[in-house]
């Protein structure tokens, strides 16, 4: 491995899944604006939309994530092709 290319500032960071409020702590170098207190310790907080606890591949449940009506627009345009 090449020397001096990996960051040295790894620290515990909390990642929070906003879809199901699940939190997990891992080491990261990511810059976080928010903080959270867990078990009396303050950690940097990174909010994520999907994690392994809410992703359909890992949960086996189909969950439609649509923020701008893209699925409805697609279904209106192409969804009824076989119905004539």
Protein backbone atom coordinates (compact mmCIF):
# COMPACT_ATOMS: atom_id res chain seq x y z
CA UNK A 1 0.00 0.00 0.00
CA UNK A 2 1.04 3.55 -0.59
CA UNK A 3 2.05 5.44 2.49
CA UNK A 4 0.50 8.69 3.66
CA UNK A 5 -2.59 8.54 1.44
CA UNK A 6 -5.07 7.38 4.10
CA UNK A 7 -6.63 9.89 6.51
CA UNK A 8 -5.62 9.80 10.15
CA UNK A 9 -8.66 11.52 11.67
CA UNK A 10 -11.03 8.55 12.09
CA UNK A 11 -13.47 9.06 14.93
CA UNK A 12 -16.80 7.56 16.08
CA UNK A 13 -19.73 9.00 14.09
CA UNK A 14 -23.46 8.29 14.41
CA UNK A 15 -25.39 7.60 11.21
CA UNK A 16 -29.18 7.98 11.51
CA UNK A 17 -31.59 6.43 9.01
CA UNK A 18 -34.31 9.06 8.62
CA UNK A 19 -36.90 6.62 7.24
CA UNK A 20 -37.03 4.42 10.36
CA UNK A 21 -34.99 6.39 12.96
CA UNK A 22 -32.44 3.59 13.32
CA UNK A 23 -29.01 4.77 14.50
CA UNK A 24 -25.62 3.10 14.37
CA UNK A 25 -22.13 4.17 15.38
CA UNK A 26 -19.09 3.57 13.22
CA UNK A 27 -15.70 5.16 12.64
CA UNK A 28 -15.56 7.70 9.84
CA UNK A 29 -13.78 10.82 8.62
CA UNK A 30 -16.95 12.47 7.29
CA UNK A 31 -17.61 16.08 8.25
CA UNK A 32 -20.90 16.44 10.14
CA UNK A 33 -22.80 19.61 10.97
CA UNK A 34 -25.14 18.10 13.56
CA UNK A 35 -24.44 16.30 16.83
CA UNK A 36 -26.36 13.76 18.89
CA UNK A 37 -25.96 12.51 22.43
CA UNK A 38 -26.06 8.74 22.98
CA UNK A 39 -25.35 7.14 26.35
CA UNK A 40 -24.02 10.44 27.70
CA UNK A 41 -21.48 10.90 24.88
CA UNK A 42 -21.84 13.52 22.15
CA UNK A 43 -21.12 12.27 18.61
CA UNK A 44 -21.19 13.93 15.18
CA UNK A 45 -24.48 13.05 13.41
CA UNK A 46 -24.89 12.18 9.73
CA UNK A 47 -28.46 11.77 8.45
CA UNK A 48 -29.01 9.23 5.67
CA UNK A 49 -32.20 8.45 3.75
CA UNK A 50 -31.66 4.70 3.31
CA UNK A 51 -29.50 2.23 5.21
CA UNK A 52 -29.37 -1.56 5.41
CA UNK A 53 -32.24 -1.50 7.94
CA UNK A 54 -34.63 0.18 5.49
CA UNK A 55 -33.35 -0.82 2.03
CA UNK A 56 -35.74 -3.21 0.22
CA UNK A 57 -32.89 -5.54 -0.79
CA UNK A 58 -31.99 -6.23 2.85
CA UNK A 59 -35.48 -6.11 4.36
CA UNK A 60 -37.32 -8.03 1.65
CA UNK A 61 -40.09 -5.43 1.63
CA UNK A 62 -40.74 -3.31 -1.41
CA UNK A 63 -40.80 0.33 -0.39
CA UNK A 64 -41.34 2.98 -3.01
CA UNK A 65 -39.17 6.06 -2.49
CA UNK A 66 -40.47 8.80 -4.73
CA UNK A 67 -39.76 12.42 -3.93
CA UNK A 68 -40.77 14.17 -7.12
CA UNK A 69 -43.58 12.08 -8.63
CA UNK A 70 -41.22 10.35 -11.04
CA UNK A 71 -42.90 6.97 -10.67
CA UNK A 72 -46.36 8.41 -11.35
CA UNK A 73 -45.03 10.26 -14.37
CA UNK A 74 -43.44 7.06 -15.69
CA UNK A 75 -46.60 5.02 -15.11
CA UNK A 76 -48.72 7.65 -16.88
CA UNK A 77 -46.38 7.66 -19.84
CA UNK A 78 -45.41 3.98 -20.19
CA UNK A 79 -47.41 1.96 -17.65
CA UNK A 80 -50.53 1.30 -19.72
CA UNK A 81 -48.85 0.17 -22.97
CA UNK A 82 -50.32 -3.37 -22.87
CA UNK A 83 -53.87 -2.23 -22.09
CA UNK A 84 -55.63 -1.34 -25.34
